[in-house]
Amino acid sequence: MARPRKDDTDKRDLTIRVRVTQAEKNRIWQQAHESDHTPSDYLRVKALGATPLRYVPTPDRAVLLNLLAELGKIGSNVNQIARHLNTAQATQPESLIAAMTGVDALTAQLLQHLRDGHTG
């Protein structure tokens, strides 16, 4: 599943540099962590009153995101195997079809958990 493309007006391609002391940096990072924001989103909220685009994932969500990434890699490998079998004009064994179906089902279930389990 591809990530949706952003409009040119939504792309963040500029950087603002601000000089702070080590203590100020630590305080910003700590306050961002306590509010479950990235430091960039935390500063946007404070400076602009913006709505953050994302929150730092909870430990459970982080695990699910990592699992989803691994499933994507496995799915890619299964796709390469299927392509090779099709190119060689070999018949696909039932186990390959079952594996691909299982990966799709597991991916859909993880995506549902990510949508339902994270409020923010």
Protein backbone atom coordinates (compact mmCIF):
# COMPACT_ATOMS: atom_id res chain seq x y z
CA MET A 1 0.00 0.00 0.00
CA ALA A 2 1.60 3.22 -1.17
CA ARG A 3 1.69 6.35 0.93
CA PRO A 4 -0.63 9.11 -0.36
CA ARG A 5 1.14 11.88 -2.23
CA LYS A 6 1.21 15.30 -0.56
CA ASP A 7 0.19 18.52 -2.24
CA ASP A 8 3.08 20.91 -2.86
CA THR A 9 1.61 23.24 -0.21
CA ASP A 10 1.77 20.44 2.41
CA LYS A 11 5.40 19.47 1.81
CA ARG A 12 7.78 20.53 4.54
CA ASP A 13 11.03 21.15 2.77
CA LEU A 14 12.30 24.19 4.68
CA THR A 15 14.36 24.19 7.86
CA ILE A 16 14.50 26.84 10.55
CA ARG A 17 17.59 26.78 12.74
CA VAL A 18 17.33 28.08 16.28
CA ARG A 19 20.21 28.35 18.71
CA VAL A 20 19.48 26.99 22.18
CA THR A 21 21.52 25.91 25.15
CA GLN A 22 21.93 22.24 25.99
CA ALA A 23 19.53 22.71 28.92
CA GLU A 24 16.91 24.32 26.63
CA LYS A 25 17.26 21.53 24.10
CA ASN A 26 16.86 18.91 26.83
CA ARG A 27 13.77 20.71 28.12
CA ILE A 28 12.18 20.87 24.64
CA TRP A 29 12.88 17.19 24.01
CA GLN A 30 11.53 16.24 27.44
CA GLN A 31 8.35 18.28 27.04
CA ALA A 32 7.82 16.88 23.55
CA HIS A 33 8.24 13.36 24.91
CA GLU A 34 5.79 14.03 27.77
CA SER A 35 3.18 15.29 25.31
CA ASP A 36 3.74 12.30 22.97
CA HIS A 37 4.88 14.54 20.12
CA THR A 38 7.99 14.61 18.03
CA PRO A 39 10.12 17.65 18.86
CA SER A 40 9.20 19.26 15.51
CA ASP A 41 5.47 18.76 16.04
CA TYR A 42 5.75 19.97 19.65
CA LEU A 43 7.39 23.22 18.52
CA ARG A 44 4.78 23.68 15.77
CA VAL A 45 2.00 23.25 18.36
CA LYS A 46 3.61 25.78 20.71
CA ALA A 47 4.64 28.35 18.10
CA LEU A 48 1.76 28.11 15.63
CA GLY A 49 -1.04 26.40 17.52
CA ALA A 50 -0.92 23.78 14.79
CA THR A 51 -2.53 20.37 15.03
CA PRO A 52 0.22 17.76 15.10
CA LEU A 53 0.35 15.38 12.16
CA ARG A 54 1.45 12.46 14.26
CA TYR A 55 2.18 11.39 17.77
CA VAL A 56 5.06 9.34 19.05
CA PRO A 57 3.74 5.78 18.81
CA THR A 58 2.89 3.91 21.97
CA PRO A 59 5.08 0.84 22.57
CA ASP A 60 2.27 -1.43 21.31
CA ARG A 61 1.79 0.66 18.18
CA ALA A 62 5.54 0.75 17.56
CA VAL A 63 5.62 -3.06 17.67
CA LEU A 64 2.67 -3.25 15.27
CA LEU A 65 4.34 -0.78 12.90
CA ASN A 66 7.53 -2.86 12.93
CA LEU A 67 5.53 -6.04 12.31
CA LEU A 68 3.73 -4.38 9.43
CA ALA A 69 7.06 -3.35 7.91
CA GLU A 70 8.37 -6.90 8.24
CA LEU A 71 5.20 -8.28 6.67
CA GLY A 72 5.70 -5.90 3.77
CA LYS A 73 9.19 -7.29 3.26
CA ILE A 74 7.90 -10.86 3.44
CA GLY A 75 5.13 -9.99 0.99
CA SER A 76 7.70 -8.57 -1.38
CA ASN A 77 9.72 -11.79 -1.20
CA VAL A 78 6.60 -13.89 -1.81
CA ASN A 79 5.77 -11.66 -4.79
CA GLN A 80 9.25 -12.19 -6.21
CA ILE A 81 8.87 -15.94 -5.82
CA ALA A 82 5.48 -15.86 -7.54
CA ARG A 83 6.88 -13.72 -10.37
CA HIS A 84 9.74 -16.16 -10.84
CA LEU A 85 7.34 -19.11 -10.94
CA ASN A 86 5.11 -17.32 -13.43
CA THR A 87 8.07 -16.31 -15.60
CA ALA A 88 9.28 -19.89 -15.67
CA GLN A 89 5.71 -20.84 -16.59
CA ALA A 90 5.57 -23.22 -13.67
CA THR A 91 2.31 -23.89 -11.96
CA GLN A 92 1.94 -22.21 -8.60
CA PRO A 93 1.69 -24.73 -5.79
CA GLU A 94 -1.33 -24.46 -3.49
CA SER A 95 0.95 -23.67 -0.56
CA LEU A 96 2.23 -20.50 -2.26
CA ILE A 97 -1.31 -19.28 -2.87
CA ALA A 98 -2.22 -20.07 0.75
CA ALA A 99 0.86 -18.22 2.01
CA MET A 100 0.05 -15.14 -0.07
CA THR A 101 -3.54 -15.19 1.20
CA GLY A 102 -2.32 -15.56 4.78
CA VAL A 103 0.08 -12.61 4.43
CA ASP A 104 -2.71 -10.46 2.98
CA ALA A 105 -5.07 -11.41 5.82
CA LEU A 106 -2.46 -10.73 8.49
CA THR A 107 -1.56 -7.39 6.92
CA ALA A 108 -5.24 -6.37 6.82
CA GLN A 109 -5.66 -7.37 10.47
CA LEU A 110 -2.60 -5.35 11.56
CA LEU A 111 -3.80 -2.32 9.60
CA GLN A 112 -7.19 -2.59 11.33
CA HIS A 113 -5.47 -2.71 14.74
CA LEU A 114 -3.39 0.35 13.84
CA ARG A 115 -6.49 2.28 12.76
CA ASP A 116 -8.62 1.29 15.77
CA GLY A 117 -5.95 1.13 18.44
CA HIS A 118 -4.38 4.55 18.07
CA THR A 119 -6.26 7.69 18.99
CA GLY A 120 -4.54 10.94 18.69
